[in-house]
Amino acid sequence: MESEWALASGRATLLSWVVCHPPTLPAWKERCPYPVVLVQCDEGVRTMGGLLGAVAADLRMDMPMTVDFGPSPDGDLVPQWRPA
């Protein structure tokens, strides 16, 4: 269970996505419907996040993505993805 921090490139490939509809957690209610993407980072790690700079209809399998950070409804900065 050992781990270490490593700098990542911020580049990834889109694997899948889903559009979330109500009911959701109260903090996310105003954002519905919203897309959530699953990407595989160039370093081999898979992660999920929100979508920026596009809508779900723009997404295509295997499209290149790049990470950005934006606020969650709670104000925390979270990873989000945009088409590269």
N, C-alpha and C. Protein backbone atom coordinates (compact mmCIF):
# COMPACT_ATOMS: atom_id res chain seq x y z
N MET A 1 0.81 -1.19 0.00
CA MET A 1 0.00 0.00 0.00
C MET A 1 0.86 1.26 0.00
N GLU A 2 2.13 1.15 -0.35
CA GLU A 2 2.98 2.33 -0.42
C GLU A 2 2.62 3.13 -1.67
N SER A 3 2.77 4.43 -1.57
CA SER A 3 2.51 5.30 -2.71
C SER A 3 3.46 6.48 -2.66
N GLU A 4 3.53 7.19 -3.76
CA GLU A 4 4.34 8.39 -3.82
C GLU A 4 3.71 9.36 -4.81
N TRP A 5 4.00 10.63 -4.66
CA TRP A 5 3.52 11.66 -5.56
C TRP A 5 4.41 11.69 -6.79
N ALA A 6 3.81 11.93 -7.95
CA ALA A 6 4.57 12.06 -9.19
C ALA A 6 3.89 13.11 -10.06
N LEU A 7 4.67 13.89 -10.75
CA LEU A 7 4.15 14.90 -11.66
C LEU A 7 3.56 14.22 -12.89
N ALA A 8 2.36 14.58 -13.27
CA ALA A 8 1.70 14.00 -14.44
C ALA A 8 1.63 15.02 -15.56
N SER A 9 1.49 14.53 -16.78
CA SER A 9 1.50 15.40 -17.96
C SER A 9 0.21 16.21 -18.11
N GLY A 10 -0.91 15.70 -17.58
CA GLY A 10 -2.19 16.38 -17.77
C GLY A 10 -2.88 15.99 -19.06
N ARG A 11 -2.29 15.04 -19.80
CA ARG A 11 -2.89 14.57 -21.05
C ARG A 11 -3.56 13.22 -20.82
N ALA A 12 -4.66 12.97 -21.54
CA ALA A 12 -5.39 11.73 -21.37
C ALA A 12 -6.17 11.41 -22.64
N THR A 13 -6.77 10.21 -22.64
CA THR A 13 -7.62 9.75 -23.73
C THR A 13 -9.00 9.43 -23.16
N LEU A 14 -10.03 9.89 -23.83
CA LEU A 14 -11.40 9.65 -23.37
C LEU A 14 -11.77 8.19 -23.54
N LEU A 15 -12.22 7.56 -22.45
CA LEU A 15 -12.65 6.17 -22.49
C LEU A 15 -14.17 6.03 -22.50
N SER A 16 -14.86 6.87 -21.73
CA SER A 16 -16.31 6.75 -21.60
C SER A 16 -16.86 8.02 -20.96
N TRP A 17 -18.19 8.16 -21.00
CA TRP A 17 -18.84 9.29 -20.33
C TRP A 17 -20.29 8.94 -20.05
N VAL A 18 -20.86 9.70 -19.14
CA VAL A 18 -22.27 9.56 -18.77
C VAL A 18 -22.80 10.96 -18.48
N VAL A 19 -24.09 11.17 -18.71
CA VAL A 19 -24.72 12.44 -18.38
C VAL A 19 -25.58 12.21 -17.14
N CYS A 20 -25.27 12.92 -16.07
CA CYS A 20 -26.00 12.79 -14.81
C CYS A 20 -27.26 13.65 -14.84
N HIS A 21 -28.36 13.06 -14.46
CA HIS A 21 -29.66 13.73 -14.39
C HIS A 21 -30.18 13.64 -12.96
N PRO A 22 -31.12 14.50 -12.58
CA PRO A 22 -31.68 14.40 -11.23
C PRO A 22 -32.31 13.02 -11.02
N PRO A 23 -32.34 12.52 -9.80
CA PRO A 23 -31.94 13.20 -8.57
C PRO A 23 -30.43 13.07 -8.34
N THR A 24 -29.85 14.11 -7.83
CA THR A 24 -28.43 14.12 -7.48
C THR A 24 -28.30 14.68 -6.07
N LEU A 25 -27.06 14.78 -5.62
CA LEU A 25 -26.83 15.43 -4.33
C LEU A 25 -27.28 16.88 -4.42
N PRO A 26 -27.80 17.43 -3.33
CA PRO A 26 -28.32 18.81 -3.36
C PRO A 26 -27.33 19.83 -3.92
N ALA A 27 -26.04 19.69 -3.61
CA ALA A 27 -25.05 20.67 -4.07
C ALA A 27 -24.90 20.68 -5.59
N TRP A 28 -25.25 19.58 -6.26
CA TRP A 28 -25.08 19.47 -7.71
C TRP A 28 -26.38 19.72 -8.48
N LYS A 29 -27.48 19.92 -7.77
CA LYS A 29 -28.80 20.04 -8.39
C LYS A 29 -28.85 21.11 -9.48
N GLU A 30 -28.23 22.26 -9.24
CA GLU A 30 -28.28 23.38 -10.20
C GLU A 30 -27.48 23.10 -11.46
N ARG A 31 -26.58 22.13 -11.45
CA ARG A 31 -25.75 21.84 -12.62
C ARG A 31 -26.36 20.78 -13.53
N CYS A 32 -27.41 20.14 -13.11
CA CYS A 32 -28.01 19.04 -13.88
C CYS A 32 -28.69 19.57 -15.15
N PRO A 33 -28.63 18.81 -16.23
CA PRO A 33 -27.81 17.61 -16.40
C PRO A 33 -26.36 18.01 -16.68
N TYR A 34 -25.41 17.17 -16.28
CA TYR A 34 -23.99 17.47 -16.51
C TYR A 34 -23.24 16.18 -16.86
N PRO A 35 -22.25 16.29 -17.76
CA PRO A 35 -21.48 15.11 -18.15
C PRO A 35 -20.34 14.83 -17.18
N VAL A 36 -20.05 13.55 -17.01
CA VAL A 36 -18.89 13.08 -16.25
C VAL A 36 -18.11 12.17 -17.19
N VAL A 37 -16.81 12.38 -17.28
CA VAL A 37 -15.98 11.61 -18.20
C VAL A 37 -15.03 10.69 -17.45
N LEU A 38 -14.71 9.57 -18.09
CA LEU A 38 -13.68 8.65 -17.63
C LEU A 38 -12.55 8.72 -18.64
N VAL A 39 -11.35 9.02 -18.16
CA VAL A 39 -10.20 9.15 -19.05
C VAL A 39 -9.07 8.25 -18.56
N GLN A 40 -8.19 7.90 -19.50
CA GLN A 40 -6.95 7.22 -19.14
C GLN A 40 -5.82 8.19 -19.39
N CYS A 41 -5.13 8.55 -18.33
CA CYS A 41 -4.01 9.49 -18.43
C CYS A 41 -2.85 8.83 -19.18
N ASP A 42 -2.02 9.65 -19.80
CA ASP A 42 -0.86 9.13 -20.53
C ASP A 42 0.02 8.26 -19.65
N GLU A 43 -0.02 8.49 -18.34
CA GLU A 43 0.79 7.71 -17.41
C GLU A 43 0.16 6.36 -17.05
N GLY A 44 -1.06 6.08 -17.58
CA GLY A 44 -1.70 4.81 -17.35
C GLY A 44 -2.78 4.79 -16.28
N VAL A 45 -2.96 5.88 -15.59
CA VAL A 45 -3.95 5.97 -14.51
C VAL A 45 -5.30 6.37 -15.10
N ARG A 46 -6.36 5.71 -14.65
CA ARG A 46 -7.71 6.09 -15.06
C ARG A 46 -8.34 6.95 -13.98
N THR A 47 -9.04 8.01 -14.41
CA THR A 47 -9.67 8.90 -13.46
C THR A 47 -10.95 9.49 -14.07
N MET A 48 -11.78 10.01 -13.21
CA MET A 48 -13.04 10.61 -13.65
C MET A 48 -13.05 12.09 -13.31
N GLY A 49 -13.88 12.84 -14.03
CA GLY A 49 -14.02 14.26 -13.72
C GLY A 49 -15.11 14.88 -14.57
N GLY A 50 -15.34 16.14 -14.33
CA GLY A 50 -16.30 16.90 -15.10
C GLY A 50 -15.75 17.25 -16.47
N LEU A 51 -16.61 17.81 -17.31
CA LEU A 51 -16.25 18.20 -18.67
C LEU A 51 -16.32 19.71 -18.79
N LEU A 52 -15.29 20.30 -19.36
CA LEU A 52 -15.23 21.75 -19.60
C LEU A 52 -15.03 22.00 -21.10
N GLY A 53 -15.58 23.10 -21.59
CA GLY A 53 -15.31 23.52 -22.96
C GLY A 53 -15.97 22.68 -24.03
N ALA A 54 -16.94 21.86 -23.66
CA ALA A 54 -17.64 21.02 -24.63
C ALA A 54 -18.93 20.53 -23.99
N VAL A 55 -19.78 19.93 -24.80
CA VAL A 55 -21.00 19.28 -24.31
C VAL A 55 -20.89 17.80 -24.67
N ALA A 56 -21.73 16.99 -24.06
CA ALA A 56 -21.67 15.55 -24.26
C ALA A 56 -21.76 15.17 -25.74
N ALA A 57 -22.56 15.91 -26.51
CA ALA A 57 -22.72 15.60 -27.94
C ALA A 57 -21.42 15.76 -28.72
N ASP A 58 -20.45 16.52 -28.19
CA ASP A 58 -19.16 16.74 -28.85
C ASP A 58 -18.19 15.59 -28.62
N LEU A 59 -18.46 14.73 -27.65
CA LEU A 59 -17.50 13.72 -27.24
C LEU A 59 -17.44 12.55 -28.21
N ARG A 60 -16.24 12.01 -28.38
CA ARG A 60 -15.99 10.84 -29.22
C ARG A 60 -14.99 9.95 -28.48
N MET A 61 -15.20 8.65 -28.61
CA MET A 61 -14.27 7.71 -27.99
C MET A 61 -12.85 7.98 -28.46
N ASP A 62 -11.91 7.81 -27.57
CA ASP A 62 -10.47 7.94 -27.85
C ASP A 62 -10.03 9.36 -28.17
N MET A 63 -10.90 10.36 -27.95
CA MET A 63 -10.45 11.73 -28.25
C MET A 63 -9.44 12.18 -27.19
N PRO A 64 -8.44 12.95 -27.59
CA PRO A 64 -7.46 13.44 -26.62
C PRO A 64 -8.09 14.49 -25.70
N MET A 65 -7.71 14.42 -24.44
CA MET A 65 -8.23 15.33 -23.42
C MET A 65 -7.06 15.94 -22.67
N THR A 66 -7.32 17.07 -22.03
CA THR A 66 -6.32 17.70 -21.18
C THR A 66 -6.99 18.13 -19.88
N VAL A 67 -6.25 18.07 -18.79
CA VAL A 67 -6.81 18.37 -17.48
C VAL A 67 -6.86 19.88 -17.24
N ASP A 68 -7.84 20.28 -16.48
CA ASP A 68 -8.00 21.64 -16.00
C ASP A 68 -8.55 21.48 -14.58
N PHE A 69 -8.56 22.50 -13.81
CA PHE A 69 -9.10 22.42 -12.45
C PHE A 69 -10.15 23.51 -12.28
N GLY A 70 -11.30 23.13 -11.78
CA GLY A 70 -12.38 24.06 -11.57
C GLY A 70 -13.04 23.79 -10.24
N PRO A 71 -13.86 24.71 -9.77
CA PRO A 71 -14.48 24.55 -8.47
C PRO A 71 -15.65 23.56 -8.50
N SER A 72 -15.74 22.76 -7.46
CA SER A 72 -16.92 21.93 -7.25
C SER A 72 -17.99 22.83 -6.63
N PRO A 73 -19.22 22.36 -6.48
CA PRO A 73 -20.23 23.18 -5.81
C PRO A 73 -19.85 23.56 -4.39
N ASP A 74 -18.96 22.77 -3.78
CA ASP A 74 -18.49 23.08 -2.43
C ASP A 74 -17.33 24.09 -2.42
N GLY A 75 -16.83 24.43 -3.62
CA GLY A 75 -15.74 25.39 -3.72
C GLY A 75 -14.35 24.77 -3.79
N ASP A 76 -14.25 23.45 -3.65
CA ASP A 76 -12.95 22.78 -3.76
C ASP A 76 -12.53 22.72 -5.22
N LEU A 77 -11.23 22.84 -5.49
CA LEU A 77 -10.73 22.67 -6.86
C LEU A 77 -10.65 21.18 -7.15
N VAL A 78 -11.26 20.77 -8.26
CA VAL A 78 -11.29 19.36 -8.63
C VAL A 78 -10.84 19.23 -10.09
N PRO A 79 -10.25 18.07 -10.44
CA PRO A 79 -9.84 17.87 -11.83
C PRO A 79 -11.06 17.79 -12.75
N GLN A 80 -10.97 18.48 -13.85
CA GLN A 80 -11.99 18.44 -14.89
C GLN A 80 -11.26 18.33 -16.21
N TRP A 81 -11.96 17.85 -17.22
CA TRP A 81 -11.29 17.54 -18.49
C TRP A 81 -11.92 18.31 -19.63
N ARG A 82 -11.09 18.68 -20.60
CA ARG A 82 -11.56 19.37 -21.79
C ARG A 82 -10.89 18.74 -23.01
N PRO A 83 -11.58 18.77 -24.16
CA PRO A 83 -10.94 18.27 -25.37
C PRO A 83 -9.64 19.01 -25.64
N ALA A 84 -8.62 18.26 -26.02
CA ALA A 84 -7.30 18.85 -26.26
C ALA A 84 -7.28 19.58 -27.60
